[in-house]
Structure formats: C-alpha cells, structure tokens
C-alpha cells in the first residue's frame, strides 16, 4: 500500500506540467488571478515540493526498514549456523 502511494505521488508530480498548462488555460473558472506561469513555479512550490518531500521521507523510511530486516535475517542465519555447528560437535563427541 505504501509503494502504491509512492507511485501515485510520483505520477502526480510527473503530470504537474500538464496540470499547470490546464490551470493556465482555465484559471478564470476557479481563481481570481492567474497563478500558473509558463515555468510552473506556483504548481511546483504548492503541489510538487510537499509531495517530493513526502516521497523522500517515505524512501528514507523504506531504506531504514529494509536495513533492519536485513540485520534480523543475518542474526537468524548466524543463530542457525551456530546451532548446526553445536549439533555437529555433539554428534562428534558421542562418536568418540
């Protein structure tokens, strides 16, 4: 679900140029002033900047979660290896 949200935000940011063109052509229908310049500064600041900040925070969160999971998996792997070695050493002692 978080990945879908991240992709949805990326699509909105990517389509900001088209949204800016639409806003520049139809600003009279929903505003009293034309905020939509040809470079898209208004839409970039008011829409894209917060969404990109949100994406960055989500990405950092994903990396932290993945690194934590990697540490957990490695710990389990080492515990399993330690148990296997202990079991094999016990079997060797019984044989002698």
PDB file of N, CA and C in Angstrom:
ATOM      1  N   UNK A   1       0.831  -1.193   0.000  1.00  0.00           N
ATOM      2  CA  UNK A   1       0.000   0.000   0.000  1.00  0.00           C
ATOM      3  C   UNK A   1       0.876   1.258   0.000  1.00  0.00           C
ATOM      4  N   UNK A   2       1.969   1.217   0.759  1.00  0.00           N
ATOM      5  CA  UNK A   2       2.854   2.388   0.790  1.00  0.00           C
ATOM      6  C   UNK A   2       3.518   2.603  -0.560  1.00  0.00           C
ATOM      7  N   UNK A   3       3.877   1.495  -1.220  1.00  0.00           N
ATOM      8  CA  UNK A   3       4.508   1.619  -2.536  1.00  0.00           C
ATOM      9  C   UNK A   3       3.525   2.203  -3.550  1.00  0.00           C
ATOM     10  N   UNK A   4       2.263   1.808  -3.468  1.00  0.00           N
ATOM     11  CA  UNK A   4       1.235   2.353  -4.368  1.00  0.00           C
ATOM     12  C   UNK A   4       1.097   3.855  -4.138  1.00  0.00           C
ATOM     13  N   UNK A   5       1.114   4.258  -2.874  1.00  0.00           N
ATOM     14  CA  UNK A   5       1.038   5.680  -2.547  1.00  0.00           C
ATOM     15  C   UNK A   5       2.237   6.439  -3.110  1.00  0.00           C
ATOM     16  N   UNK A   6       3.412   5.848  -3.005  1.00  0.00           N
ATOM     17  CA  UNK A   6       4.627   6.463  -3.544  1.00  0.00           C
ATOM     18  C   UNK A   6       4.524   6.610  -5.065  1.00  0.00           C
ATOM     19  N   UNK A   7       4.032   5.595  -5.740  1.00  0.00           N
ATOM     20  CA  UNK A   7       3.868   5.658  -7.198  1.00  0.00           C
ATOM     21  C   UNK A   7       2.819   6.699  -7.577  1.00  0.00           C
ATOM     22  N   UNK A   8       1.727   6.763  -6.820  1.00  0.00           N
ATOM     23  CA  UNK A   8       0.677   7.748  -7.096  1.00  0.00           C
ATOM     24  C   UNK A   8       1.213   9.174  -6.966  1.00  0.00           C
ATOM     25  N   UNK A   9       1.995   9.425  -5.925  1.00  0.00           N
ATOM     26  CA  UNK A   9       2.601  10.747  -5.755  1.00  0.00           C
ATOM     27  C   UNK A   9       3.537  11.049  -6.919  1.00  0.00           C
ATOM     28  N   UNK A  10       4.306  10.066  -7.340  1.00  0.00           N
ATOM     29  CA  UNK A  10       5.229  10.265  -8.463  1.00  0.00           C
ATOM     30  C   UNK A  10       4.480  10.601  -9.748  1.00  0.00           C
ATOM     31  N   UNK A  11       3.342   9.970  -9.965  1.00  0.00           N
ATOM     32  CA  UNK A  11       2.536  10.250 -11.156  1.00  0.00           C
ATOM     33  C   UNK A  11       1.989  11.674 -11.108  1.00  0.00           C
ATOM     34  N   UNK A  12       1.535  12.098  -9.937  1.00  0.00           N
ATOM     35  CA  UNK A  12       1.019  13.468  -9.803  1.00  0.00           C
ATOM     36  C   UNK A  12       2.133  14.479 -10.065  1.00  0.00           C
ATOM     37  N   UNK A  13       3.306  14.244  -9.509  1.00  0.00           N
ATOM     38  CA  UNK A  13       4.432  15.167  -9.731  1.00  0.00           C
ATOM     39  C   UNK A  13       4.829  15.187 -11.205  1.00  0.00           C
ATOM     40  N   UNK A  14       4.849  14.007 -11.815  1.00  0.00           N
ATOM     41  CA  UNK A  14       5.217  13.920 -13.236  1.00  0.00           C
ATOM     42  C   UNK A  14       4.202  14.649 -14.115  1.00  0.00           C
ATOM     43  N   UNK A  15       2.930  14.610 -13.728  1.00  0.00           N
ATOM     44  CA  UNK A  15       1.893  15.253 -14.543  1.00  0.00           C
ATOM     45  C   UNK A  15       1.692  16.722 -14.172  1.00  0.00           C
ATOM     46  N   UNK A  16       2.524  17.276 -13.322  1.00  0.00           N
ATOM     47  CA  UNK A  16       2.378  18.671 -12.895  1.00  0.00           C
ATOM     48  C   UNK A  16       2.477  19.635 -14.071  1.00  0.00           C
ATOM     49  N   UNK A  17       3.300  19.324 -15.062  1.00  0.00           N
ATOM     50  CA  UNK A  17       3.420  20.193 -16.232  1.00  0.00           C
ATOM     51  C   UNK A  17       2.075  20.305 -16.958  1.00  0.00           C
ATOM     52  N   UNK A  18       1.409  19.175 -17.111  1.00  0.00           N
ATOM     53  CA  UNK A  18       0.106  19.180 -17.781  1.00  0.00           C
ATOM     54  C   UNK A  18      -0.951  19.867 -16.924  1.00  0.00           C
ATOM     55  N   UNK A  19      -0.880  19.665 -15.610  1.00  0.00           N
ATOM     56  CA  UNK A  19      -1.802  20.356 -14.714  1.00  0.00           C
ATOM     57  C   UNK A  19      -1.585  21.865 -14.758  1.00  0.00           C
ATOM     58  N   UNK A  20      -0.335  22.289 -14.875  1.00  0.00           N
ATOM     59  CA  UNK A  20      -0.033  23.707 -14.981  1.00  0.00           C
ATOM     60  C   UNK A  20      -0.587  24.288 -16.286  1.00  0.00           C
ATOM     61  N   UNK A  21      -0.442  23.567 -17.376  1.00  0.00           N
ATOM     62  CA  UNK A  21      -0.998  24.023 -18.659  1.00  0.00           C
ATOM     63  C   UNK A  21      -2.517  24.129 -18.587  1.00  0.00           C
ATOM     64  N   UNK A  22      -3.150  23.144 -17.963  1.00  0.00           N
ATOM     65  CA  UNK A  22      -4.605  23.177 -17.816  1.00  0.00           C
ATOM     66  C   UNK A  22      -5.012  24.361 -16.940  1.00  0.00           C
ATOM     67  N   UNK A  23      -4.284  24.579 -15.841  1.00  0.00           N
ATOM     68  CA  UNK A  23      -4.585  25.704 -14.959  1.00  0.00           C
ATOM     69  C   UNK A  23      -4.395  27.043 -15.651  1.00  0.00           C
ATOM     70  N   UNK A  24      -3.360  27.158 -16.478  1.00  0.00           N
ATOM     71  CA  UNK A  24      -3.122  28.412 -17.199  1.00  0.00           C
ATOM     72  C   UNK A  24      -4.226  28.678 -18.209  1.00  0.00           C
ATOM     73  N   UNK A  25      -4.760  27.640 -18.811  1.00  0.00           N
ATOM     74  CA  UNK A  25      -5.808  27.816 -19.813  1.00  0.00           C
ATOM     75  C   UNK A  25      -7.173  28.070 -19.182  1.00  0.00           C
ATOM     76  N   UNK A  26      -7.417  27.570 -17.973  1.00  0.00           N
ATOM     77  CA  UNK A  26      -8.769  27.635 -17.372  1.00  0.00           C
ATOM     78  C   UNK A  26      -8.797  28.309 -16.008  1.00  0.00           C
ATOM     79  N   UNK A  27      -7.872  29.178 -15.721  1.00  0.00           N
ATOM     80  CA  UNK A  27      -7.794  29.766 -14.392  1.00  0.00           C
ATOM     81  C   UNK A  27      -9.003  30.620 -14.048  1.00  0.00           C
ATOM     82  N   UNK A  28      -9.688  31.164 -15.040  1.00  0.00           N
ATOM     83  CA  UNK A  28     -10.854  32.024 -14.780  1.00  0.00           C
ATOM     84  C   UNK A  28     -11.998  31.268 -14.121  1.00  0.00           C
ATOM     85  N   UNK A  29     -12.052  29.962 -14.300  1.00  0.00           N
ATOM     86  CA  UNK A  29     -13.141  29.155 -13.759  1.00  0.00           C
ATOM     87  C   UNK A  29     -13.018  28.907 -12.258  1.00  0.00           C
ATOM     88  N   UNK A  30     -11.814  28.990 -11.701  1.00  0.00           N
ATOM     89  CA  UNK A  30     -11.654  28.637 -10.293  1.00  0.00           C
ATOM     90  C   UNK A  30     -10.778  29.603  -9.495  1.00  0.00           C
ATOM     91  N   UNK A  31     -10.306  30.693 -10.106  1.00  0.00           N
ATOM     92  CA  UNK A  31      -9.463  31.647  -9.387  1.00  0.00           C
ATOM     93  C   UNK A  31      -9.731  33.066  -9.858  1.00  0.00           C
ATOM     94  N   UNK A  32      -9.277  34.011  -9.060  1.00  0.00           N
ATOM     95  CA  UNK A  32      -9.433  35.426  -9.447  1.00  0.00           C
ATOM     96  C   UNK A  32      -8.161  35.972 -10.093  1.00  0.00           C
ATOM     97  N   UNK A  33      -7.046  35.255  -9.941  1.00  0.00           N
ATOM     98  CA  UNK A  33      -5.786  35.651 -10.559  1.00  0.00           C
ATOM     99  C   UNK A  33      -5.161  34.439 -11.232  1.00  0.00           C
ATOM    100  N   UNK A  34      -4.339  34.708 -12.246  1.00  0.00           N
ATOM    101  CA  UNK A  34      -3.651  33.625 -12.934  1.00  0.00           C
ATOM    102  C   UNK A  34      -2.320  33.340 -12.222  1.00  0.00           C
ATOM    103  N   UNK A  35      -2.311  32.257 -11.471  1.00  0.00           N
ATOM    104  CA  UNK A  35      -1.095  31.859 -10.747  1.00  0.00           C
ATOM    105  C   UNK A  35      -0.195  30.959 -11.587  1.00  0.00           C
ATOM    106  N   UNK A  36      -0.662  30.507 -12.713  1.00  0.00           N
ATOM    107  CA  UNK A  36       0.019  29.474 -13.490  1.00  0.00           C
ATOM    108  C   UNK A  36       0.887  30.100 -14.580  1.00  0.00           C
ATOM    109  N   UNK A  37       2.151  30.351 -14.264  1.00  0.00           N
ATOM    110  CA  UNK A  37       3.069  30.917 -15.243  1.00  0.00           C
ATOM    111  C   UNK A  37       3.594  29.820 -16.158  1.00  0.00           C
ATOM    112  N   UNK A  38       4.337  30.200 -17.174  1.00  0.00           N
ATOM    113  CA  UNK A  38       4.795  29.236 -18.180  1.00  0.00           C
ATOM    114  C   UNK A  38       5.861  28.283 -17.641  1.00  0.00           C
ATOM    115  N   UNK A  39       6.530  28.639 -16.547  1.00  0.00           N
ATOM    116  CA  UNK A  39       7.553  27.752 -15.969  1.00  0.00           C
ATOM    117  C   UNK A  39       6.998  26.838 -14.880  1.00  0.00           C
ATOM    118  N   UNK A  40       5.781  27.087 -14.419  1.00  0.00           N
ATOM    119  CA  UNK A  40       5.153  26.222 -13.425  1.00  0.00           C
ATOM    120  C   UNK A  40       5.671  26.401 -12.013  1.00  0.00           C
ATOM    121  N   UNK A  41       6.103  27.604 -11.662  1.00  0.00           N
ATOM    122  CA  UNK A  41       6.669  27.850 -10.335  1.00  0.00           C
ATOM    123  C   UNK A  41       5.606  27.673  -9.250  1.00  0.00           C
ATOM    124  N   UNK A  42       4.422  28.220  -9.456  1.00  0.00           N
ATOM    125  CA  UNK A  42       3.359  28.121  -8.454  1.00  0.00           C
ATOM    126  C   UNK A  42       3.011  26.665  -8.166  1.00  0.00           C
ATOM    127  N   UNK A  43       2.782  25.901  -9.201  1.00  0.00           N
ATOM    128  CA  UNK A  43       2.421  24.497  -9.023  1.00  0.00           C
ATOM    129  C   UNK A  43       3.584  23.701  -8.447  1.00  0.00           C
ATOM    130  N   UNK A  44       4.795  24.068  -8.827  1.00  0.00           N
ATOM    131  CA  UNK A  44       5.965  23.389  -8.289  1.00  0.00           C
ATOM    132  C   UNK A  44       6.116  23.600  -6.792  1.00  0.00           C
ATOM    133  N   UNK A  45       5.861  24.818  -6.334  1.00  0.00           N
ATOM    134  CA  UNK A  45       6.001  25.134  -4.912  1.00  0.00           C
ATOM    135  C   UNK A  45       4.817  24.622  -4.100  1.00  0.00           C
ATOM    136  N   UNK A  46       3.619  24.824  -4.617  1.00  0.00           N
ATOM    137  CA  UNK A  46       2.424  24.495  -3.844  1.00  0.00           C
ATOM    138  C   UNK A  46       2.019  23.023  -3.915  1.00  0.00           C
ATOM    139  N   UNK A  47       2.386  22.332  -4.964  1.00  0.00           N
ATOM    140  CA  UNK A  47       1.979  20.933  -5.117  1.00  0.00           C
ATOM    141  C   UNK A  47       3.175  19.990  -5.083  1.00  0.00           C
ATOM    142  N   UNK A  48       4.151  20.232  -5.915  1.00  0.00           N
ATOM    143  CA  UNK A  48       5.245  19.268  -6.090  1.00  0.00           C
ATOM    144  C   UNK A  48       6.221  19.239  -4.916  1.00  0.00           C
ATOM    145  N   UNK A  49       6.552  20.379  -4.355  1.00  0.00           N
ATOM    146  CA  UNK A  49       7.541  20.414  -3.270  1.00  0.00           C
ATOM    147  C   UNK A  49       7.085  19.592  -2.061  1.00  0.00           C
ATOM    148  N   UNK A  50       5.866  19.772  -1.569  1.00  0.00           N
ATOM    149  CA  UNK A  50       5.444  18.935  -0.428  1.00  0.00           C
ATOM    150  C   UNK A  50       5.358  17.447  -0.784  1.00  0.00           C
ATOM    151  N   UNK A  51       4.907  17.142  -1.987  1.00  0.00           N
ATOM    152  CA  UNK A  51       4.811  15.738  -2.388  1.00  0.00           C
ATOM    153  C   UNK A  51       6.192  15.099  -2.525  1.00  0.00           C
ATOM    154  N   UNK A  52       7.141  15.836  -3.078  1.00  0.00           N
ATOM    155  CA  UNK A  52       8.501  15.300  -3.199  1.00  0.00           C
ATOM    156  C   UNK A  52       9.155  15.132  -1.831  1.00  0.00           C
ATOM    157  N   UNK A  53       8.883  16.041  -0.918  1.00  0.00           N
ATOM    158  CA  UNK A  53       9.387  15.898   0.442  1.00  0.00           C
ATOM    159  C   UNK A  53       8.801  14.645   1.092  1.00  0.00           C
ATOM    160  N   UNK A  54       7.517  14.428   0.886  1.00  0.00           N
ATOM    161  CA  UNK A  54       6.859  13.232   1.398  1.00  0.00           C
ATOM    162  C   UNK A  54       7.476  11.971   0.794  1.00  0.00           C
ATOM    163  N   UNK A  55       7.734  11.980  -0.499  1.00  0.00           N
ATOM    164  CA  UNK A  55       8.378  10.830  -1.154  1.00  0.00           C
ATOM    165  C   UNK A  55       9.766  10.577  -0.581  1.00  0.00           C
ATOM    166  N   UNK A  56      10.519  11.624  -0.324  1.00  0.00           N
ATOM    167  CA  UNK A  56      11.856  11.474   0.239  1.00  0.00           C
ATOM    168  C   UNK A  56      11.793  10.848   1.629  1.00  0.00           C
ATOM    169  N   UNK A  57      10.860  11.307   2.455  1.00  0.00           N
ATOM    170  CA  UNK A  57      10.699  10.741   3.798  1.00  0.00           C
ATOM    171  C   UNK A  57      10.278   9.277   3.703  1.00  0.00           C
ATOM    172  N   UNK A  58       9.383   8.954   2.786  1.00  0.00           N
ATOM    173  CA  UNK A  58       8.960   7.564   2.599  1.00  0.00           C
ATOM    174  C   UNK A  58      10.131   6.702   2.142  1.00  0.00           C
ATOM    175  N   UNK A  59      10.947   7.220   1.254  1.00  0.00           N
ATOM    176  CA  UNK A  59      12.102   6.474   0.762  1.00  0.00           C
ATOM    177  C   UNK A  59      13.101   6.201   1.882  1.00  0.00           C
ATOM    178  N   UNK A  60      13.373   7.198   2.713  1.00  0.00           N
ATOM    179  CA  UNK A  60      14.254   7.004   3.864  1.00  0.00           C
ATOM    180  C   UNK A  60      13.663   5.957   4.802  1.00  0.00           C
ATOM    181  N   UNK A  61      12.369   6.001   5.009  1.00  0.00           N
ATOM    182  CA  UNK A  61      11.698   5.021   5.861  1.00  0.00           C
ATOM    183  C   UNK A  61      11.840   3.610   5.290  1.00  0.00           C
ATOM    184  N   UNK A  62      11.682   3.467   3.975  1.00  0.00           N
ATOM    185  CA  UNK A  62      11.837   2.159   3.325  1.00  0.00           C
ATOM    186  C   UNK A  62      13.254   1.621   3.508  1.00  0.00           C
ATOM    187  N   UNK A  63      14.242   2.483   3.351  1.00  0.00           N
ATOM    188  CA  UNK A  63      15.640   2.052   3.482  1.00  0.00           C
ATOM    189  C   UNK A  63      15.933   1.637   4.922  1.00  0.00           C
ATOM    190  N   UNK A  64      15.439   2.380   5.894  1.00  0.00           N
ATOM    191  CA  UNK A  64      15.650   2.022   7.303  1.00  0.00           C
ATOM    192  C   UNK A  64      14.985   0.692   7.627  1.00  0.00           C
ATOM    193  N   UNK A  65      13.772   0.499   7.132  1.00  0.00           N
ATOM    194  CA  UNK A  65      13.067  -0.756   7.377  1.00  0.00           C
ATOM    195  C   UNK A  65      13.798  -1.927   6.730  1.00  0.00           C
ATOM    196  N   UNK A  66      14.257  -1.732   5.509  1.00  0.00           N
ATOM    197  CA  UNK A  66      14.977  -2.802   4.807  1.00  0.00           C
ATOM    198  C   UNK A  66      16.279  -3.142   5.520  1.00  0.00           C
ATOM    199  N   UNK A  67      16.989  -2.136   6.006  1.00  0.00           N
ATOM    200  CA  UNK A  67      18.244  -2.420   6.712  1.00  0.00           C
ATOM    201  C   UNK A  67      17.972  -3.151   8.021  1.00  0.00           C
ATOM    202  N   UNK A  68      16.909  -2.799   8.716  1.00  0.00           N
ATOM    203  CA  UNK A  68      16.543  -3.513   9.938  1.00  0.00           C
ATOM    204  C   UNK A  68      16.182  -4.963   9.661  1.00  0.00           C
ATOM    205  N   UNK A  69      15.442  -5.183   8.591  1.00  0.00           N
ATOM    206  CA  UNK A  69      15.092  -6.559   8.218  1.00  0.00           C
ATOM    207  C   UNK A  69      16.327  -7.355   7.816  1.00  0.00           C
ATOM    208  N   UNK A  70      17.245  -6.709   7.144  1.00  0.00           N
ATOM    209  CA  UNK A  70      18.484  -7.384   6.751  1.00  0.00           C
ATOM    210  C   UNK A  70      19.286  -7.807   7.972  1.00  0.00           C
ATOM    211  N   UNK A  71      19.360  -6.953   8.969  1.00  0.00           N
ATOM    212  CA  UNK A  71      20.061  -7.294  10.203  1.00  0.00           C
ATOM    213  C   UNK A  71      19.373  -8.467  10.899  1.00  0.00           C
ATOM    214  N   UNK A  72      18.034  -8.442  10.955  1.00  0.00           N
ATOM    215  CA  UNK A  72      17.298  -9.536  11.582  1.00  0.00           C
ATOM    216  C   UNK A  72      17.541 -10.863  10.875  1.00  0.00           C
ATOM    217  N   UNK A  73      17.519 -10.855   9.565  1.00  0.00           N
ATOM    218  CA  UNK A  73      17.745 -12.076   8.793  1.00  0.00           C
ATOM    219  C   UNK A  73      19.159 -12.593   9.016  1.00  0.00           C
ATOM    220  N   UNK A  74      20.120 -11.695   9.046  1.00  0.00           N
ATOM    221  CA  UNK A  74      21.513 -12.118   9.256  1.00  0.00           C
ATOM    222  C   UNK A  74      21.689 -12.710  10.654  1.00  0.00           C
ATOM    223  N   UNK A  75      21.038 -12.123  11.667  1.00  0.00           N
ATOM    224  CA  UNK A  75      21.098 -12.678  13.016  1.00  0.00           C
ATOM    225  C   UNK A  75      20.519 -14.092  13.048  1.00  0.00           C
ATOM    226  N   UNK A  76      19.374 -14.279  12.407  1.00  0.00           N
ATOM    227  CA  UNK A  76      18.763 -15.611  12.360  1.00  0.00           C
ATOM    228  C   UNK A  76      19.665 -16.604  11.644  1.00  0.00           C
ATOM    229  N   UNK A  77      20.290 -16.162  10.583  1.00  0.00           N
ATOM    230  CA  UNK A  77      21.201 -17.024   9.828  1.00  0.00           C
ATOM    231  C   UNK A  77      22.394 -17.452  10.687  1.00  0.00           C
ATOM    232  N   UNK A  78      22.962 -16.510  11.433  1.00  0.00           N
ATOM    233  CA  UNK A  78      24.089 -16.836  12.304  1.00  0.00           C
ATOM    234  C   UNK A  78      23.669 -17.757  13.449  1.00  0.00           C
ATOM    235  N   UNK A  79      22.489 -17.524  14.020  1.00  0.00           N
ATOM    236  CA  UNK A  79      21.990 -18.412  15.071  1.00  0.00           C
ATOM    237  C   UNK A  79      21.792 -19.828  14.545  1.00  0.00           C
ATOM    238  N   UNK A  80      21.229 -19.931  13.364  1.00  0.00           N
ATOM    239  CA  UNK A  80      21.011 -21.246  12.757  1.00  0.00           C
ATOM    240  C   UNK A  80      22.353 -21.941  12.493  1.00  0.00           C
ATOM    241  N   UNK A  81      23.326 -21.207  12.019  1.00  0.00           N
ATOM    242  CA  UNK A  81      24.653 -21.777  11.764  1.00  0.00           C
ATOM    243  C   UNK A  81      25.301 -22.232  13.071  1.00  0.00           C
ATOM    244  N   UNK A  82      25.166 -21.421  14.127  1.00  0.00           N
ATOM    245  CA  UNK A  82      25.723 -21.759  15.431  1.00  0.00           C
ATOM    246  C   UNK A  82      25.078 -23.035  15.992  1.00  0.00           C
ATOM    247  N   UNK A  83      23.754 -23.144  15.870  1.00  0.00           N
ATOM    248  CA  UNK A  83      23.051 -24.345  16.334  1.00  0.00           C
ATOM    249  C   UNK A  83      23.498 -25.577  15.561  1.00  0.00           C
ATOM    250  N   UNK A  84      23.659 -25.425  14.258  1.00  0.00           N
ATOM    251  CA  UNK A  84      24.081 -26.551  13.419  1.00  0.00           C
ATOM    252  C   UNK A  84      25.485 -27.008  13.813  1.00  0.00           C
ATOM    253  N   UNK A  85      26.395 -26.052  14.052  1.00  0.00           N
ATOM    254  CA  UNK A  85      27.755 -26.404  14.471  1.00  0.00           C
ATOM    255  C   UNK A  85      27.759 -27.066  15.839  1.00  0.00           C
ATOM    256  N   UNK A  86      26.927 -26.589  16.750  1.00  0.00           N
ATOM    257  CA  UNK A  86      26.849 -27.192  18.085  1.00  0.00           C
ATOM    258  C   UNK A  86      26.304 -28.611  17.996  1.00  0.00           C
ATOM    259  N   UNK A  87      25.322 -28.791  17.166  1.00  0.00           N
ATOM    260  CA  UNK A  87      24.737 -30.123  16.978  1.00  0.00           C
ATOM    261  C   UNK A  87      25.756 -31.088  16.383  1.00  0.00           C
ATOM    262  N   UNK A  88      26.527 -30.641  15.404  1.00  0.00           N
ATOM    263  CA  UNK A  88      27.527 -31.496  14.772  1.00  0.00           C
ATOM    264  C   UNK A  88      28.673 -31.804  15.739  1.00  0.00           C
ATOM    265  N   UNK A  89      29.047 -30.842  16.585  1.00  0.00           N
ATOM    266  CA  UNK A  89      30.110 -31.094  17.573  1.00  0.00           C
ATOM    267  C   UNK A  89      29.636 -32.088  18.637  1.00  0.00           C
ATOM    268  N   UNK A  90      28.355 -32.034  19.022  1.00  0.00           N
ATOM    269  CA  UNK A  90      27.808 -33.012  19.966  1.00  0.00           C
ATOM    270  C   UNK A  90      27.817 -34.403  19.375  1.00  0.00           C
ATOM    271  N   UNK A  91      27.482 -34.488  18.104  1.00  0.00           N
ATOM    272  CA  UNK A  91      27.474 -35.803  17.419  1.00  0.00           C
ATOM    273  C   UNK A  91      28.883 -36.366  17.358  1.00  0.00           C
ATOM    274  N   UNK A  92      29.876 -35.542  17.145  1.00  0.00           N
ATOM    275  CA  UNK A  92      31.281 -35.996  17.095  1.00  0.00           C
ATOM    276  C   UNK A  92      31.737 -36.488  18.471  1.00  0.00           C
ATOM    277  N   UNK A  93      31.304 -35.790  19.540  1.00  0.00           N
ATOM    278  CA  UNK A  93      31.684 -36.194  20.886  1.00  0.00           C
ATOM    279  C   UNK A  93      31.070 -37.526  21.260  1.00  0.00           C
ATOM    280  N   UNK A  94      29.848 -37.782  20.830  1.00  0.00           N
ATOM    281  CA  UNK A  94      29.183 -39.055  21.114  1.00  0.00           C
ATOM    282  C   UNK A  94      29.866 -40.208  20.399  1.00  0.00           C
ATOM    283  N   UNK A  95      30.376 -39.967  19.204  1.00  0.00           N
ATOM    284  CA  UNK A  95      31.055 -40.999  18.434  1.00  0.00           C
ATOM    285  C   UNK A  95      32.379 -41.399  19.079  1.00  0.00           C
ATOM    286  N   UNK A  96      33.015 -40.483  19.769  1.00  0.00           N
ATOM    287  CA  UNK A  96      34.324 -40.753  20.349  1.00  0.00           C
ATOM    288  C   UNK A  96      34.141 -41.385  21.651  1.00  0.00           C
TER     289      UNK A  96
END
